[in-house]
Amino acid sequence: MGPVFAPDVTHVMAVVNLSPESRVRQAVVDSPAGALERSRWARDLGASIIDLGAQSSHFENRELTPAEELERLLPALDLLVADGFIVSVDSWKPEVARVALEHGAQIVNDTGGMQRPEMRSVVAQNNVWCVVMHIEGASPLEVSSRELDGDRPAAVAAGLASLVAELSDVGINRVIVDPGLSINYSSDYARYGELQLETIRRLDELRVAGAPVMIPVPRKSQDHRMHTYLALAIEYGADVIRVHDVEAACDLVTLLGRKLGDL
């Protein structure tokens, strides 16, 4: 089960946040019913995957315990699974991923970069898709500055290819790679933005890992800039785009001549 990938298809992964601390208010819901309503709205527009998260990934926010995260997550997850959604659980905690999979989630979006042996065991034992993200830190809450010098897109691609091979050795083969463009670092904001654009333009280099590529479209204070990143990700052939602005994403996928992924 899970998404099916093809050369001319882009899956829109719609963000649904159950974390009131999240700064991107557009995707925050205040109840399980609200999560179901937003997910149905996204599905009607053409989104094929719901990325459900309960822990804010901004480094200034508190880390929830697994129990706290699951208390927020599970009631909404149960509603979405019952309604037939492909749900990706956005968490770097193995305990959360394990329980979410037991409740019907089909993808683990590990924003910790699949570094923890316990998370690898959870994914391998359940034989599910996982998102493997480049991160310069142990988790999104344990980052400082990001390396911006040198040929960073090539370095990220090489690191992801090595990690995919490493995961394959332990039986994890259903992998989507993510260059980690949506994580907040205390780096030079303008230079980081340039790196995000450069990485999207060099998306084909990420394919050396042999896995589908997901671009998490970074949020920008100006909509026209965010839509530029979004359009480039589609034009350069992203297999999955993780977005907050679902309406614009689904419209641009078809406008730019690609097909929306099916549920």
Protein backbone atom coordinates (compact mmCIF):
# COMPACT_ATOMS: atom_id res chain seq x y z
CA MET A 1 0.00 0.00 0.00
CA GLY A 2 1.00 3.61 -0.40
CA PRO A 3 1.76 5.97 -3.28
CA VAL A 4 2.57 4.78 -6.80
CA PHE A 5 5.29 6.69 -8.64
CA ALA A 6 5.65 7.35 -12.37
CA PRO A 7 7.91 9.68 -14.40
CA ASP A 8 5.16 12.19 -15.24
CA VAL A 9 3.38 12.17 -11.87
CA THR A 10 3.73 14.53 -8.91
CA HIS A 11 2.05 13.64 -5.64
CA VAL A 12 0.85 16.57 -3.58
CA MET A 13 1.42 15.92 0.13
CA ALA A 14 -0.83 18.26 2.09
CA VAL A 15 0.36 19.35 5.52
CA VAL A 16 -2.10 19.04 8.41
CA ASN A 17 -0.66 20.29 11.69
CA LEU A 18 -2.06 19.39 15.10
CA SER A 19 0.58 21.50 16.81
CA PRO A 20 -0.77 24.85 18.06
CA GLU A 21 2.84 26.05 18.37
CA SER A 22 3.40 25.84 14.61
CA ARG A 23 4.17 29.16 12.98
CA VAL A 24 2.54 28.32 9.65
CA ARG A 25 -1.01 28.94 10.80
CA GLN A 26 -2.45 28.06 7.39
CA ALA A 27 -2.07 24.32 8.04
CA VAL A 28 -2.91 24.24 11.77
CA VAL A 29 -6.17 22.62 12.88
CA ASP A 30 -7.60 22.68 16.38
CA SER A 31 -9.36 19.33 16.55
CA PRO A 32 -9.59 15.87 14.96
CA ALA A 33 -12.70 17.04 13.13
CA GLY A 34 -10.74 20.00 11.83
CA ALA A 35 -8.01 17.66 10.58
CA LEU A 36 -10.58 15.58 8.73
CA GLU A 37 -12.18 18.69 7.21
CA ARG A 38 -8.84 20.07 5.96
CA SER A 39 -7.81 16.65 4.63
CA ARG A 40 -11.06 16.25 2.70
CA TRP A 41 -10.63 19.75 1.28
CA ALA A 42 -7.09 18.88 0.18
CA ARG A 43 -8.22 15.59 -1.35
CA ASP A 44 -10.95 17.34 -3.32
CA LEU A 45 -8.32 19.66 -4.77
CA GLY A 46 -6.11 16.75 -5.82
CA ALA A 47 -3.78 15.98 -2.92
CA SER A 48 -2.99 12.28 -2.62
CA ILE A 49 -1.08 12.17 0.70
CA ILE A 50 -1.79 13.82 4.04
CA ASP A 51 1.25 14.60 6.18
CA LEU A 52 -0.09 14.59 9.71
CA GLY A 53 2.06 16.06 12.45
CA ALA A 54 1.61 16.94 16.10
CA GLN A 55 5.11 18.13 17.05
CA SER A 56 6.36 21.51 15.85
CA SER A 57 9.70 21.24 14.08
CA HIS A 58 10.84 24.80 14.78
CA PHE A 59 13.96 24.73 16.95
CA GLU A 60 12.55 27.32 19.36
CA ASN A 61 9.67 25.07 20.44
CA ARG A 62 9.53 22.46 23.19
CA GLU A 63 9.94 18.78 22.39
CA LEU A 64 6.82 16.83 23.33
CA THR A 65 7.07 13.46 24.97
CA PRO A 66 5.94 10.55 22.76
CA ALA A 67 2.83 10.23 24.92
CA GLU A 68 1.95 13.91 24.44
CA GLU A 69 2.51 13.68 20.70
CA LEU A 70 0.36 10.57 20.38
CA GLU A 71 -2.42 12.14 22.44
CA ARG A 72 -2.65 14.89 19.84
CA LEU A 73 -2.10 12.64 16.84
CA LEU A 74 -4.16 9.47 17.22
CA PRO A 75 -7.75 10.77 17.28
CA ALA A 76 -7.18 12.60 13.99
CA LEU A 77 -5.21 9.73 12.48
CA ASP A 78 -8.02 7.29 13.22
CA LEU A 79 -10.53 9.54 11.45
CA LEU A 80 -8.33 9.95 8.38
CA VAL A 81 -7.56 6.24 8.07
CA ALA A 82 -11.25 5.40 8.37
CA ASP A 83 -11.94 7.86 5.54
CA GLY A 84 -9.46 6.17 3.21
CA PHE A 85 -6.54 8.61 3.25
CA ILE A 86 -2.90 7.74 2.65
CA VAL A 87 -1.44 9.23 5.81
CA SER A 88 2.19 10.09 6.39
CA VAL A 89 3.09 10.52 10.06
CA ASP A 90 5.51 13.43 10.51
CA SER A 91 7.68 12.49 13.49
CA TRP A 92 11.26 11.71 14.39
CA LYS A 93 10.28 9.60 17.43
CA PRO A 94 10.29 5.81 16.91
CA GLU A 95 7.65 5.32 19.60
CA VAL A 96 5.26 7.65 17.80
CA ALA A 97 5.90 6.08 14.40
CA ARG A 98 5.32 2.55 15.72
CA VAL A 99 1.93 3.37 17.25
CA ALA A 100 0.88 5.48 14.26
CA LEU A 101 1.59 2.55 11.93
CA GLU A 102 -0.47 0.30 14.19
CA HIS A 103 -3.33 2.79 13.69
CA GLY A 104 -3.06 2.71 9.90
CA ALA A 105 -0.49 5.31 8.84
CA GLN A 106 1.27 4.17 5.65
CA ILE A 107 4.33 6.44 5.47
CA VAL A 108 6.86 7.50 8.09
CA ASN A 109 8.18 11.02 7.42
CA ASP A 110 11.19 10.93 9.70
CA THR A 111 12.39 14.51 10.03
CA GLY A 112 15.26 13.14 12.08
CA GLY A 113 16.83 11.68 8.96
CA MET A 114 16.39 7.98 9.82
CA GLN A 115 19.42 8.22 12.10
CA ARG A 116 18.00 6.32 15.06
CA PRO A 117 18.37 2.51 15.01
CA GLU A 118 14.98 2.21 16.72
CA MET A 119 13.28 4.09 13.88
CA ARG A 120 14.98 1.89 11.31
CA SER A 121 13.68 -1.17 13.13
CA VAL A 122 10.12 0.20 13.16
CA VAL A 123 10.18 0.92 9.42
CA ALA A 124 11.85 -2.36 8.47
CA GLN A 125 9.50 -4.47 10.57
CA ASN A 126 6.43 -2.81 9.04
CA ASN A 127 7.78 -2.69 5.44
CA VAL A 128 6.35 0.79 4.84
CA TRP A 129 7.44 3.79 2.84
CA CYS A 130 9.65 6.24 4.68
CA VAL A 131 10.88 9.74 3.89
CA VAL A 132 14.62 10.06 4.47
CA MET A 133 15.51 13.69 5.02
CA HIS A 134 18.87 15.42 5.04
CA ILE A 135 19.30 17.16 8.38
CA GLU A 136 22.33 18.73 10.00
CA GLY A 137 21.53 17.79 13.58
CA ALA A 138 19.96 14.98 15.59
CA SER A 139 16.43 16.34 15.13
CA PRO A 140 14.74 19.56 13.93
CA LEU A 141 14.89 20.86 17.51
CA GLU A 142 18.61 20.12 17.79
CA VAL A 143 19.99 22.15 14.92
CA SER A 144 22.02 25.33 14.84
CA SER A 145 23.44 26.66 11.58
CA ARG A 146 23.45 24.84 8.27
CA GLU A 147 26.57 24.47 6.14
CA LEU A 148 26.19 26.84 3.21
CA ASP A 149 29.64 26.85 1.64
CA GLY A 150 30.99 24.65 -1.12
CA ASP A 151 28.91 22.50 -3.44
CA ARG A 152 26.19 21.71 -0.93
CA PRO A 153 23.62 20.20 -3.36
CA ALA A 154 26.21 17.63 -4.49
CA ALA A 155 27.20 16.89 -0.89
CA VAL A 156 23.57 16.42 0.15
CA ALA A 157 22.90 14.14 -2.82
CA ALA A 158 25.95 12.02 -2.00
CA GLY A 159 24.96 11.79 1.64
CA LEU A 160 21.42 10.72 0.79
CA ALA A 161 22.68 8.11 -1.69
CA SER A 162 24.93 6.67 1.00
CA LEU A 163 22.09 6.62 3.51
CA VAL A 164 19.71 4.92 1.08
CA ALA A 165 22.29 2.17 0.51
CA GLU A 166 22.78 1.83 4.25
CA LEU A 167 19.04 1.47 4.80
CA SER A 168 18.79 -1.10 2.03
CA ASP A 169 21.33 -3.22 3.89
CA VAL A 170 18.90 -3.47 6.83
CA GLY A 171 15.87 -4.25 4.65
CA ILE A 172 14.45 -0.76 4.10
CA ASN A 173 13.82 -0.31 0.39
CA ARG A 174 10.65 1.79 0.14
CA VAL A 175 12.38 5.12 0.47
CA ILE A 176 11.62 8.70 -0.60
CA VAL A 177 14.53 11.15 -0.32
CA ASP A 178 14.14 14.71 0.91
CA PRO A 179 16.99 17.26 0.73
CA GLY A 180 15.66 18.92 3.87
CA LEU A 181 14.74 22.37 2.55
CA SER A 182 12.03 23.12 5.10
CA ILE A 183 14.03 22.85 8.32
CA ASN A 184 14.68 26.10 10.17
CA TYR A 185 18.35 26.81 10.84
CA SER A 186 19.98 29.83 12.43
CA SER A 187 21.87 30.45 9.18
CA ASP A 188 22.06 33.41 6.85
CA TYR A 189 18.45 33.58 5.64
CA ALA A 190 19.16 34.96 2.18
CA ARG A 191 21.98 32.49 1.48
CA TYR A 192 19.85 29.61 2.72
CA GLY A 193 17.14 30.69 0.29
CA GLU A 194 19.65 30.64 -2.54
CA LEU A 195 20.71 27.13 -1.53
CA GLN A 196 17.08 25.99 -1.53
CA LEU A 197 16.64 27.23 -5.09
CA GLU A 198 19.93 25.73 -6.25
CA THR A 199 19.01 22.36 -4.76
CA ILE A 200 15.64 22.30 -6.53
CA ARG A 201 17.28 23.18 -9.85
CA ARG A 202 19.66 20.25 -9.37
CA LEU A 203 16.94 17.80 -8.38
CA ASP A 204 18.18 15.17 -10.84
CA GLU A 205 21.35 14.80 -8.78
CA LEU A 206 19.21 13.54 -5.91
CA ARG A 207 18.02 10.70 -8.12
CA VAL A 208 21.40 8.97 -7.89
CA ALA A 209 19.98 7.36 -4.78
CA GLY A 210 17.51 5.52 -7.02
CA ALA A 211 14.56 6.68 -4.94
CA PRO A 212 11.65 9.06 -5.57
CA VAL A 213 12.41 12.66 -4.58
CA MET A 214 10.27 14.81 -2.30
CA ILE A 215 10.66 18.58 -2.20
CA PRO A 216 9.18 20.16 0.93
CA VAL A 217 8.29 23.56 -0.45
CA PRO A 218 9.72 26.12 1.98
CA ARG A 219 7.41 28.77 3.34
CA LYS A 220 8.27 32.37 2.44
CA SER A 221 6.83 35.58 3.81
CA GLN A 222 5.96 36.67 0.26
CA ASP A 223 3.55 34.36 -1.55
CA HIS A 224 5.09 35.04 -4.95
CA ARG A 225 8.46 33.75 -3.71
CA MET A 226 6.92 30.63 -2.23
CA HIS A 227 5.05 29.98 -5.49
CA THR A 228 8.34 30.31 -7.37
CA TYR A 229 9.88 27.52 -5.29
CA LEU A 230 6.73 25.48 -5.80
CA ALA A 231 6.70 25.91 -9.58
CA LEU A 232 10.39 25.06 -9.86
CA ALA A 233 9.94 21.87 -7.84
CA ILE A 234 7.19 20.73 -10.21
CA GLU A 235 9.03 21.82 -13.38
CA TYR A 236 12.15 19.95 -12.32
CA GLY A 237 10.13 16.77 -11.78
CA ALA A 238 9.65 16.29 -8.05
CA ASP A 239 7.85 13.02 -7.34
CA VAL A 240 6.28 14.50 -4.21
CA ILE A 241 5.82 18.09 -3.12
CA ARG A 242 5.04 18.68 0.54
CA VAL A 243 2.99 21.87 0.76
CA HIS A 244 0.91 24.11 2.96
CA ASP A 245 -0.68 25.92 0.00
CA VAL A 246 -2.52 22.92 -1.44
CA GLU A 247 -4.73 24.81 -3.87
CA ALA A 248 -1.81 26.50 -5.63
CA ALA A 249 0.20 23.28 -5.69
CA CYS A 250 -2.50 21.16 -7.32
CA ASP A 251 -3.26 23.85 -9.87
CA LEU A 252 0.41 24.29 -10.81
CA VAL A 253 1.02 20.54 -11.19
CA THR A 254 -1.57 20.34 -13.96
CA LEU A 255 -0.71 23.75 -15.43
CA LEU A 256 2.92 22.65 -15.86
CA GLY A 257 1.89 19.47 -17.66
CA ARG A 258 2.33 16.82 -14.99
CA LYS A 259 -0.29 14.47 -13.57
CA LEU A 260 -1.50 14.57 -9.99
CA GLY A 261 -0.84 11.39 -8.02
CA ASP A 262 -3.80 9.16 -7.28
CA LEU A 263 -5.01 8.15 -3.85
